[in-house]
PDB file of all heavy atoms in Angstrom:
ATOM      1  N   PRO A   1     -15.352  12.114  -0.941  1.00  0.00           N
ATOM      2  CA  PRO A   1     -15.977  11.185  -1.874  1.00  0.00           C
ATOM      3  C   PRO A   1     -16.325   9.878  -1.132  1.00  0.00           C
ATOM      4  O   PRO A   1     -15.508   9.317  -0.432  1.00  0.00           O
ATOM      5  CB  PRO A   1     -14.923  10.978  -2.927  1.00  0.00           C
ATOM      6  CG  PRO A   1     -14.062  12.208  -2.877  1.00  0.00           C
ATOM      7  CD  PRO A   1     -14.040  12.574  -1.426  1.00  0.00           C
ATOM      8  N   LEU A   2     -17.492   9.349  -1.391  1.00  0.00           N
ATOM      9  CA  LEU A   2     -17.969   8.149  -0.707  1.00  0.00           C
ATOM     10  C   LEU A   2     -17.090   6.954  -1.020  1.00  0.00           C
ATOM     11  O   LEU A   2     -16.839   6.103  -0.128  1.00  0.00           O
ATOM     12  CB  LEU A   2     -19.443   7.902  -1.084  1.00  0.00           C
ATOM     13  CG  LEU A   2     -20.061   6.629  -0.458  1.00  0.00           C
ATOM     14  CD1 LEU A   2     -20.017   6.715   1.090  1.00  0.00           C
ATOM     15  CD2 LEU A   2     -21.511   6.473  -0.970  1.00  0.00           C
ATOM     16  N   THR A   3     -16.673   6.834  -2.256  1.00  0.00           N
ATOM     17  CA  THR A   3     -15.839   5.721  -2.670  1.00  0.00           C
ATOM     18  C   THR A   3     -14.567   5.571  -1.854  1.00  0.00           C
ATOM     19  O   THR A   3     -14.208   4.517  -1.376  1.00  0.00           O
ATOM     20  CB  THR A   3     -15.518   5.811  -4.175  1.00  0.00           C
ATOM     21  OG1 THR A   3     -14.962   7.126  -4.452  1.00  0.00           O
ATOM     22  CG2 THR A   3     -16.678   5.527  -5.070  1.00  0.00           C
ATOM     23  N   LEU A   4     -13.898   6.712  -1.664  1.00  0.00           N
ATOM     24  CA  LEU A   4     -12.636   6.720  -0.890  1.00  0.00           C
ATOM     25  C   LEU A   4     -12.945   6.545   0.614  1.00  0.00           C
ATOM     26  O   LEU A   4     -12.194   5.793   1.287  1.00  0.00           O
ATOM     27  CB  LEU A   4     -11.875   7.991  -1.101  1.00  0.00           C
ATOM     28  CG  LEU A   4     -10.576   8.116  -0.318  1.00  0.00           C
ATOM     29  CD1 LEU A   4      -9.575   7.000  -0.723  1.00  0.00           C
ATOM     30  CD2 LEU A   4      -9.916   9.491  -0.491  1.00  0.00           C
ATOM     31  N   ASP A   5     -13.993   7.196   1.101  1.00  0.00           N
ATOM     32  CA  ASP A   5     -14.300   7.106   2.489  1.00  0.00           C
ATOM     33  C   ASP A   5     -14.586   5.630   2.887  1.00  0.00           C
ATOM     34  O   ASP A   5     -14.099   5.152   3.923  1.00  0.00           O
ATOM     35  CB  ASP A   5     -15.510   7.963   2.832  1.00  0.00           C
ATOM     36  CG  ASP A   5     -15.648   8.282   4.292  1.00  0.00           C
ATOM     37  OD1 ASP A   5     -14.578   8.538   4.916  1.00  0.00           O
ATOM     38  OD2 ASP A   5     -16.778   8.264   4.809  1.00  0.00           O
ATOM     39  N   LEU A   6     -15.317   4.944   2.084  1.00  0.00           N
ATOM     40  CA  LEU A   6     -15.606   3.537   2.343  1.00  0.00           C
ATOM     41  C   LEU A   6     -14.351   2.643   2.225  1.00  0.00           C
ATOM     42  O   LEU A   6     -14.126   1.764   3.037  1.00  0.00           O
ATOM     43  CB  LEU A   6     -16.717   3.004   1.376  1.00  0.00           C
ATOM     44  CG  LEU A   6     -18.140   3.147   1.847  1.00  0.00           C
ATOM     45  CD1 LEU A   6     -19.097   2.754   0.711  1.00  0.00           C
ATOM     46  CD2 LEU A   6     -18.413   2.281   3.083  1.00  0.00           C
ATOM     47  N   SER A   7     -13.561   2.957   1.208  1.00  0.00           N
ATOM     48  CA  SER A   7     -12.292   2.162   1.051  1.00  0.00           C
ATOM     49  C   SER A   7     -11.398   2.285   2.296  1.00  0.00           C
ATOM     50  O   SER A   7     -10.839   1.311   2.765  1.00  0.00           O
ATOM     51  CB  SER A   7     -11.533   2.660  -0.193  1.00  0.00           C
ATOM     52  OG  SER A   7     -12.280   2.403  -1.350  1.00  0.00           O
ATOM     53  N   ASN A   8     -11.295   3.509   2.827  1.00  0.00           N
ATOM     54  CA  ASN A   8     -10.493   3.723   4.030  1.00  0.00           C
ATOM     55  C   ASN A   8     -11.107   3.030   5.233  1.00  0.00           C
ATOM     56  O   ASN A   8     -10.408   2.407   6.080  1.00  0.00           O
ATOM     57  CB  ASN A   8     -10.347   5.239   4.299  1.00  0.00           C
ATOM     58  CG  ASN A   8      -9.287   5.880   3.461  1.00  0.00           C
ATOM     59  OD1 ASN A   8      -8.290   5.290   3.132  1.00  0.00           O
ATOM     60  ND2 ASN A   8      -9.511   7.099   3.082  1.00  0.00           N
ATOM     61  N   LYS A   9     -12.421   3.163   5.395  1.00  0.00           N
ATOM     62  CA  LYS A   9     -13.085   2.571   6.573  1.00  0.00           C
ATOM     63  C   LYS A   9     -12.965   1.068   6.564  1.00  0.00           C
ATOM     64  O   LYS A   9     -12.820   0.461   7.619  1.00  0.00           O
ATOM     65  CB  LYS A   9     -14.534   3.019   6.634  1.00  0.00           C
ATOM     66  CG  LYS A   9     -14.693   4.499   7.090  1.00  0.00           C
ATOM     67  CD  LYS A   9     -16.141   4.942   7.068  1.00  0.00           C
ATOM     68  CE  LYS A   9     -16.361   6.241   7.832  1.00  0.00           C
ATOM     69  NZ  LYS A   9     -15.519   7.356   7.421  1.00  0.00           N
ATOM     70  N   ILE A  10     -13.046   0.464   5.400  1.00  0.00           N
ATOM     71  CA  ILE A  10     -12.923  -0.995   5.295  1.00  0.00           C
ATOM     72  C   ILE A  10     -11.543  -1.455   5.855  1.00  0.00           C
ATOM     73  O   ILE A  10     -11.430  -2.404   6.617  1.00  0.00           O
ATOM     74  CB  ILE A  10     -13.132  -1.478   3.859  1.00  0.00           C
ATOM     75  CG1 ILE A  10     -14.623  -1.410   3.475  1.00  0.00           C
ATOM     76  CG2 ILE A  10     -12.575  -2.918   3.632  1.00  0.00           C
ATOM     77  CD1 ILE A  10     -14.910  -1.608   2.036  1.00  0.00           C
ATOM     78  N   LEU A  11     -10.514  -0.772   5.404  1.00  0.00           N
ATOM     79  CA  LEU A  11      -9.149  -1.124   5.838  1.00  0.00           C
ATOM     80  C   LEU A  11      -8.871  -0.857   7.273  1.00  0.00           C
ATOM     81  O   LEU A  11      -8.137  -1.566   7.956  1.00  0.00           O
ATOM     82  CB  LEU A  11      -8.123  -0.487   4.865  1.00  0.00           C
ATOM     83  CG  LEU A  11      -8.090  -1.021   3.485  1.00  0.00           C
ATOM     84  CD1 LEU A  11      -6.951  -0.370   2.672  1.00  0.00           C
ATOM     85  CD2 LEU A  11      -7.939  -2.555   3.430  1.00  0.00           C
ATOM     86  N   LYS A  12      -9.406   0.298   7.786  1.00  0.00           N
ATOM     87  CA  LYS A  12      -9.201   0.594   9.202  1.00  0.00           C
ATOM     88  C   LYS A  12      -9.832  -0.469  10.062  1.00  0.00           C
ATOM     89  O   LYS A  12      -9.258  -0.860  11.106  1.00  0.00           O
ATOM     90  CB  LYS A  12      -9.782   1.996   9.515  1.00  0.00           C
ATOM     91  CG  LYS A  12      -8.958   3.127   8.937  1.00  0.00           C
ATOM     92  CD  LYS A  12      -9.560   4.468   9.247  1.00  0.00           C
ATOM     93  CE  LYS A  12      -9.226   4.890  10.664  1.00  0.00           C
ATOM     94  NZ  LYS A  12      -9.656   6.272  10.972  1.00  0.00           N
ATOM     95  N   GLU A  13     -11.021  -0.900   9.672  1.00  0.00           N
ATOM     96  CA  GLU A  13     -11.717  -1.984  10.428  1.00  0.00           C
ATOM     97  C   GLU A  13     -10.948  -3.305  10.313  1.00  0.00           C
ATOM     98  O   GLU A  13     -10.862  -4.071  11.300  1.00  0.00           O
ATOM     99  CB  GLU A  13     -13.165  -2.140   9.972  1.00  0.00           C
ATOM    100  CG  GLU A  13     -14.058  -2.799  10.939  1.00  0.00           C
ATOM    101  CD  GLU A  13     -14.163  -2.089  12.276  1.00  0.00           C
ATOM    102  OE1 GLU A  13     -14.053  -0.805  12.310  1.00  0.00           O
ATOM    103  OE2 GLU A  13     -14.335  -2.741  13.313  1.00  0.00           O
ATOM    104  N   LEU A  14     -10.433  -3.589   9.121  1.00  0.00           N
ATOM    105  CA  LEU A  14      -9.641  -4.799   8.910  1.00  0.00           C
ATOM    106  C   LEU A  14      -8.387  -4.781   9.824  1.00  0.00           C
ATOM    107  O   LEU A  14      -8.020  -5.814  10.375  1.00  0.00           O
ATOM    108  CB  LEU A  14      -9.254  -4.956   7.454  1.00  0.00           C
ATOM    109  CG  LEU A  14      -8.560  -6.283   7.037  1.00  0.00           C
ATOM    110  CD1 LEU A  14      -9.495  -7.412   7.197  1.00  0.00           C
ATOM    111  CD2 LEU A  14      -8.068  -6.178   5.573  1.00  0.00           C
ATOM    112  N   THR A  15      -7.758  -3.641   9.944  1.00  0.00           N
ATOM    113  CA  THR A  15      -6.609  -3.484  10.793  1.00  0.00           C
ATOM    114  C   THR A  15      -6.998  -3.695  12.285  1.00  0.00           C
ATOM    115  O   THR A  15      -6.252  -4.299  13.066  1.00  0.00           O
ATOM    116  CB  THR A  15      -5.982  -2.080  10.620  1.00  0.00           C
ATOM    117  OG1 THR A  15      -5.475  -1.976   9.278  1.00  0.00           O
ATOM    118  CG2 THR A  15      -4.792  -1.901  11.605  1.00  0.00           C
ATOM    119  N   GLU A  16      -8.199  -3.187  12.668  1.00  0.00           N
ATOM    120  CA  GLU A  16      -8.689  -3.436  14.046  1.00  0.00           C
ATOM    121  C   GLU A  16      -8.818  -4.940  14.272  1.00  0.00           C
ATOM    122  O   GLU A  16      -8.469  -5.440  15.334  1.00  0.00           O
ATOM    123  CB  GLU A  16     -10.020  -2.721  14.265  1.00  0.00           C
ATOM    124  CG  GLU A  16      -9.891  -1.238  14.387  1.00  0.00           C
ATOM    125  CD  GLU A  16      -9.061  -0.833  15.589  1.00  0.00           C
ATOM    126  OE1 GLU A  16      -9.323  -1.361  16.671  1.00  0.00           O
ATOM    127  OE2 GLU A  16      -8.174  -0.003  15.445  1.00  0.00           O
ATOM    128  N   LEU A  17      -9.381  -5.679  13.309  1.00  0.00           N
ATOM    129  CA  LEU A  17      -9.515  -7.104  13.449  1.00  0.00           C
ATOM    130  C   LEU A  17      -8.194  -7.796  13.590  1.00  0.00           C
ATOM    131  O   LEU A  17      -8.035  -8.706  14.359  1.00  0.00           O
ATOM    132  CB  LEU A  17     -10.283  -7.631  12.235  1.00  0.00           C
ATOM    133  CG  LEU A  17     -11.813  -7.451  12.209  1.00  0.00           C
ATOM    134  CD1 LEU A  17     -12.334  -7.705  10.795  1.00  0.00           C
ATOM    135  CD2 LEU A  17     -12.444  -8.426  13.200  1.00  0.00           C
ATOM    136  N   ARG A  18      -7.199  -7.324  12.808  1.00  0.00           N
ATOM    137  CA  ARG A  18      -5.861  -7.906  12.910  1.00  0.00           C
ATOM    138  C   ARG A  18      -5.259  -7.698  14.333  1.00  0.00           C
ATOM    139  O   ARG A  18      -4.652  -8.585  14.899  1.00  0.00           O
ATOM    140  CB  ARG A  18      -4.953  -7.322  11.840  1.00  0.00           C
ATOM    141  CG  ARG A  18      -3.514  -7.722  11.965  1.00  0.00           C
ATOM    142  CD  ARG A  18      -2.631  -7.286  10.803  1.00  0.00           C
ATOM    143  NE  ARG A  18      -2.511  -5.851  10.687  1.00  0.00           N
ATOM    144  CZ  ARG A  18      -1.636  -5.074  11.278  1.00  0.00           C
ATOM    145  NH1 ARG A  18      -0.765  -5.679  12.085  1.00  0.00           N
ATOM    146  NH2 ARG A  18      -1.581  -3.773  11.115  1.00  0.00           N
ATOM    147  N   ARG A  19      -5.404  -6.465  14.814  1.00  0.00           N
ATOM    148  CA  ARG A  19      -4.797  -6.145  16.129  1.00  0.00           C
ATOM    149  C   ARG A  19      -5.547  -6.884  17.253  1.00  0.00           C
ATOM    150  O   ARG A  19      -4.900  -7.290  18.236  1.00  0.00           O
ATOM    151  CB  ARG A  19      -4.867  -4.637  16.341  1.00  0.00           C
ATOM    152  CG  ARG A  19      -3.942  -3.849  15.359  1.00  0.00           C
ATOM    153  CD  ARG A  19      -3.761  -2.419  15.782  1.00  0.00           C
ATOM    154  NE  ARG A  19      -3.017  -1.653  14.805  1.00  0.00           N
ATOM    155  CZ  ARG A  19      -1.728  -1.708  14.606  1.00  0.00           C
ATOM    156  NH1 ARG A  19      -0.977  -2.553  15.296  1.00  0.00           N
ATOM    157  NH2 ARG A  19      -1.158  -0.961  13.676  1.00  0.00           N
ATOM    158  N   GLU A  20      -6.894  -7.070  17.117  1.00  0.00           N
ATOM    159  CA  GLU A  20      -7.628  -7.751  18.164  1.00  0.00           C
ATOM    160  C   GLU A  20      -7.205  -9.251  18.153  1.00  0.00           C
ATOM    161  O   GLU A  20      -7.124  -9.890  19.226  1.00  0.00           O
ATOM    162  CB  GLU A  20      -9.120  -7.650  17.903  1.00  0.00           C
ATOM    163  CG  GLU A  20      -9.674  -6.222  18.087  1.00  0.00           C
ATOM    164  CD  GLU A  20     -11.060  -6.060  17.554  1.00  0.00           C
ATOM    165  OE1 GLU A  20     -11.686  -7.094  17.105  1.00  0.00           O
ATOM    166  OE2 GLU A  20     -11.603  -4.957  17.482  1.00  0.00           O
ATOM    167  N   ASN A  21      -7.029  -9.805  16.965  1.00  0.00           N
ATOM    168  CA  ASN A  21      -6.587 -11.147  16.798  1.00  0.00           C
ATOM    169  C   ASN A  21      -7.464 -12.181  17.534  1.00  0.00           C
ATOM    170  O   ASN A  21      -7.017 -13.141  18.156  1.00  0.00           O
ATOM    171  CB  ASN A  21      -5.145 -11.339  17.313  1.00  0.00           C
ATOM    172  CG  ASN A  21      -4.492 -12.591  16.772  1.00  0.00           C
ATOM    173  OD1 ASN A  21      -4.762 -13.048  15.659  1.00  0.00           O
ATOM    174  ND2 ASN A  21      -3.663 -13.213  17.599  1.00  0.00           N
ATOM    175  N   THR A  22      -8.816 -11.963  17.475  1.00  0.00           N
ATOM    176  CA  THR A  22      -9.769 -12.859  18.108  1.00  0.00           C
ATOM    177  C   THR A  22     -10.681 -13.469  17.092  1.00  0.00           C
ATOM    178  O   THR A  22     -10.724 -14.683  16.927  1.00  0.00           O
ATOM    179  CB  THR A  22     -10.564 -12.117  19.192  1.00  0.00           C
ATOM    180  OG1 THR A  22     -11.152 -10.950  18.625  1.00  0.00           O
ATOM    181  CG2 THR A  22      -9.702 -11.727  20.349  1.00  0.00           C
ATOM    182  N   GLN A  23     -11.414 -12.639  16.328  1.00  0.00           N
ATOM    183  CA  GLN A  23     -12.344 -13.198  15.345  1.00  0.00           C
ATOM    184  C   GLN A  23     -11.652 -13.737  14.093  1.00  0.00           C
ATOM    185  O   GLN A  23     -12.070 -14.693  13.508  1.00  0.00           O
ATOM    186  CB  GLN A  23     -13.391 -12.105  14.919  1.00  0.00           C
ATOM    187  CG  GLN A  23     -14.383 -11.764  16.048  1.00  0.00           C
ATOM    188  CD  GLN A  23     -15.345 -10.682  15.583  1.00  0.00           C
ATOM    189  OE1 GLN A  23     -15.040  -9.537  15.532  1.00  0.00           O
ATOM    190  NE2 GLN A  23     -16.582 -11.083  15.280  1.00  0.00           N
ATOM    191  N   ILE A  24     -10.590 -13.006  13.702  1.00  0.00           N
ATOM    192  CA  ILE A  24      -9.774 -13.425  12.523  1.00  0.00           C
ATOM    193  C   ILE A  24      -8.337 -13.470  13.008  1.00  0.00           C
ATOM    194  O   ILE A  24      -7.775 -12.425  13.368  1.00  0.00           O
ATOM    195  CB  ILE A  24      -9.969 -12.529  11.343  1.00  0.00           C
ATOM    196  CG1 ILE A  24     -11.427 -12.406  10.963  1.00  0.00           C
ATOM    197  CG2 ILE A  24      -9.159 -13.062  10.165  1.00  0.00           C
ATOM    198  CD1 ILE A  24     -11.697 -11.481   9.767  1.00  0.00           C
ATOM    199  N   LYS A  25      -7.664 -14.634  12.990  1.00  0.00           N
ATOM    200  CA  LYS A  25      -6.378 -14.790  13.645  1.00  0.00           C
ATOM    201  C   LYS A  25      -5.180 -14.961  12.653  1.00  0.00           C
ATOM    202  O   LYS A  25      -4.059 -15.225  13.102  1.00  0.00           O
ATOM    203  CB  LYS A  25      -6.422 -15.971  14.588  1.00  0.00           C
ATOM    204  CG  LYS A  25      -7.399 -15.768  15.759  1.00  0.00           C
ATOM    205  CD  LYS A  25      -7.346 -16.913  16.714  1.00  0.00           C
ATOM    206  CE  LYS A  25      -8.249 -16.645  17.885  1.00  0.00           C
ATOM    207  NZ  LYS A  25      -8.197 -17.751  18.932  1.00  0.00           N
ATOM    208  N   TYR A  26      -5.464 -14.856  11.369  1.00  0.00           N
ATOM    209  CA  TYR A  26      -4.379 -15.183  10.372  1.00  0.00           C
ATOM    210  C   TYR A  26      -3.946 -13.929   9.584  1.00  0.00           C
ATOM    211  O   TYR A  26      -3.160 -14.034   8.680  1.00  0.00           O
ATOM    212  CB  TYR A  26      -4.874 -16.251   9.421  1.00  0.00           C
ATOM    213  CG  TYR A  26      -6.251 -15.896   8.834  1.00  0.00           C
ATOM    214  CD1 TYR A  26      -6.335 -14.956   7.780  1.00  0.00           C
ATOM    215  CD2 TYR A  26      -7.381 -16.561   9.285  1.00  0.00           C
ATOM    216  CE1 TYR A  26      -7.609 -14.679   7.263  1.00  0.00           C
ATOM    217  CE2 TYR A  26      -8.665 -16.239   8.736  1.00  0.00           C
ATOM    218  CZ  TYR A  26      -8.721 -15.324   7.737  1.00  0.00           C
ATOM    219  OH  TYR A  26      -9.951 -15.012   7.194  1.00  0.00           O
ATOM    220  N   LEU A  27      -4.440 -12.745   9.954  1.00  0.00           N
ATOM    221  CA  LEU A  27      -4.161 -11.565   9.155  1.00  0.00           C
ATOM    222  C   LEU A  27      -2.732 -11.048   9.318  1.00  0.00           C
ATOM    223  O   LEU A  27      -2.176 -11.035  10.463  1.00  0.00           O
ATOM    224  CB  LEU A  27      -5.138 -10.451   9.501  1.00  0.00           C
ATOM    225  CG  LEU A  27      -6.632 -10.729   9.193  1.00  0.00           C
ATOM    226  CD1 LEU A  27      -7.483  -9.612   9.783  1.00  0.00           C
ATOM    227  CD2 LEU A  27      -6.852 -10.858   7.673  1.00  0.00           C
ATOM    228  N   ARG A  28      -2.131 -10.557   8.250  1.00  0.00           N
ATOM    229  CA  ARG A  28      -0.829  -9.892   8.262  1.00  0.00           C
ATOM    230  C   ARG A  28      -1.061  -8.428   7.908  1.00  0.00           C
ATOM    231  O   ARG A  28      -2.127  -8.036   7.429  1.00  0.00           O
ATOM    232  CB  ARG A  28       0.136 -10.619   7.305  1.00  0.00           C
ATOM    233  CG  ARG A  28       0.525 -11.998   7.815  1.00  0.00           C
ATOM    234  CD  ARG A  28       1.578 -12.693   6.910  1.00  0.00           C
ATOM    235  NE  ARG A  28       1.952 -13.963   7.487  1.00  0.00           N
ATOM    236  CZ  ARG A  28       2.940 -14.733   6.943  1.00  0.00           C
ATOM    237  NH1 ARG A  28       3.571 -14.319   5.871  1.00  0.00           N
ATOM    238  NH2 ARG A  28       3.249 -15.907   7.497  1.00  0.00           N
ATOM    239  N   PRO A  29      -0.018  -7.558   8.045  1.00  0.00           N
ATOM    240  CA  PRO A  29      -0.256  -6.125   7.952  1.00  0.00           C
ATOM    241  C   PRO A  29      -0.618  -5.552   6.577  1.00  0.00           C
ATOM    242  O   PRO A  29      -1.281  -4.530   6.540  1.00  0.00           O
ATOM    243  CB  PRO A  29       1.136  -5.571   8.419  1.00  0.00           C
ATOM    244  CG  PRO A  29       1.761  -6.598   9.198  1.00  0.00           C
ATOM    245  CD  PRO A  29       1.318  -7.902   8.549  1.00  0.00           C
ATOM    246  N   ASP A  30      -0.258  -6.157   5.513  1.00  0.00           N
ATOM    247  CA  ASP A  30      -0.454  -5.585   4.178  1.00  0.00           C
ATOM    248  C   ASP A  30      -1.855  -5.867   3.663  1.00  0.00           C
ATOM    249  O   ASP A  30      -2.300  -7.011   3.646  1.00  0.00           O
ATOM    250  CB  ASP A  30       0.605  -6.173   3.223  1.00  0.00           C
ATOM    251  CG  ASP A  30       0.717  -5.435   1.936  1.00  0.00           C
ATOM    252  OD1 ASP A  30      -0.013  -4.401   1.727  1.00  0.00           O
ATOM    253  OD2 ASP A  30       1.571  -5.821   1.077  1.00  0.00           O
ATOM    254  N   SER A  31      -2.531  -4.817   3.195  1.00  0.00           N
ATOM    255  CA  SER A  31      -3.834  -5.026   2.611  1.00  0.00           C
ATOM    256  C   SER A  31      -4.246  -3.848   1.720  1.00  0.00           C
ATOM    257  O   SER A  31      -3.651  -2.784   1.820  1.00  0.00           O
ATOM    258  CB  SER A  31      -4.922  -5.253   3.656  1.00  0.00           C
ATOM    259  OG  SER A  31      -4.963  -4.182   4.564  1.00  0.00           O
ATOM    260  N   LYS A  32      -5.216  -4.064   0.852  1.00  0.00           N
ATOM    261  CA  LYS A  32      -5.699  -3.052  -0.087  1.00  0.00           C
ATOM    262  C   LYS A  32      -7.225  -3.197  -0.229  1.00  0.00           C
ATOM    263  O   LYS A  32      -7.743  -4.297  -0.053  1.00  0.00           O
ATOM    264  CB  LYS A  32      -5.014  -3.182  -1.460  1.00  0.00           C
ATOM    265  CG  LYS A  32      -3.522  -3.154  -1.483  1.00  0.00           C
ATOM    266  CD  LYS A  32      -2.931  -3.331  -2.862  1.00  0.00           C
ATOM    267  CE  LYS A  32      -3.089  -2.137  -3.703  1.00  0.00           C
ATOM    268  NZ  LYS A  32      -2.378  -2.170  -5.000  1.00  0.00           N
TER     269      LYS A  32
END
């Protein structure tokens, strides 16, 4: 389902941003 696929992809990319810690530097692990 597109709704779930997009929801997952958004969070996986957000996690990548957190791990990179360059463009966004204040993220913590919990998100929805």
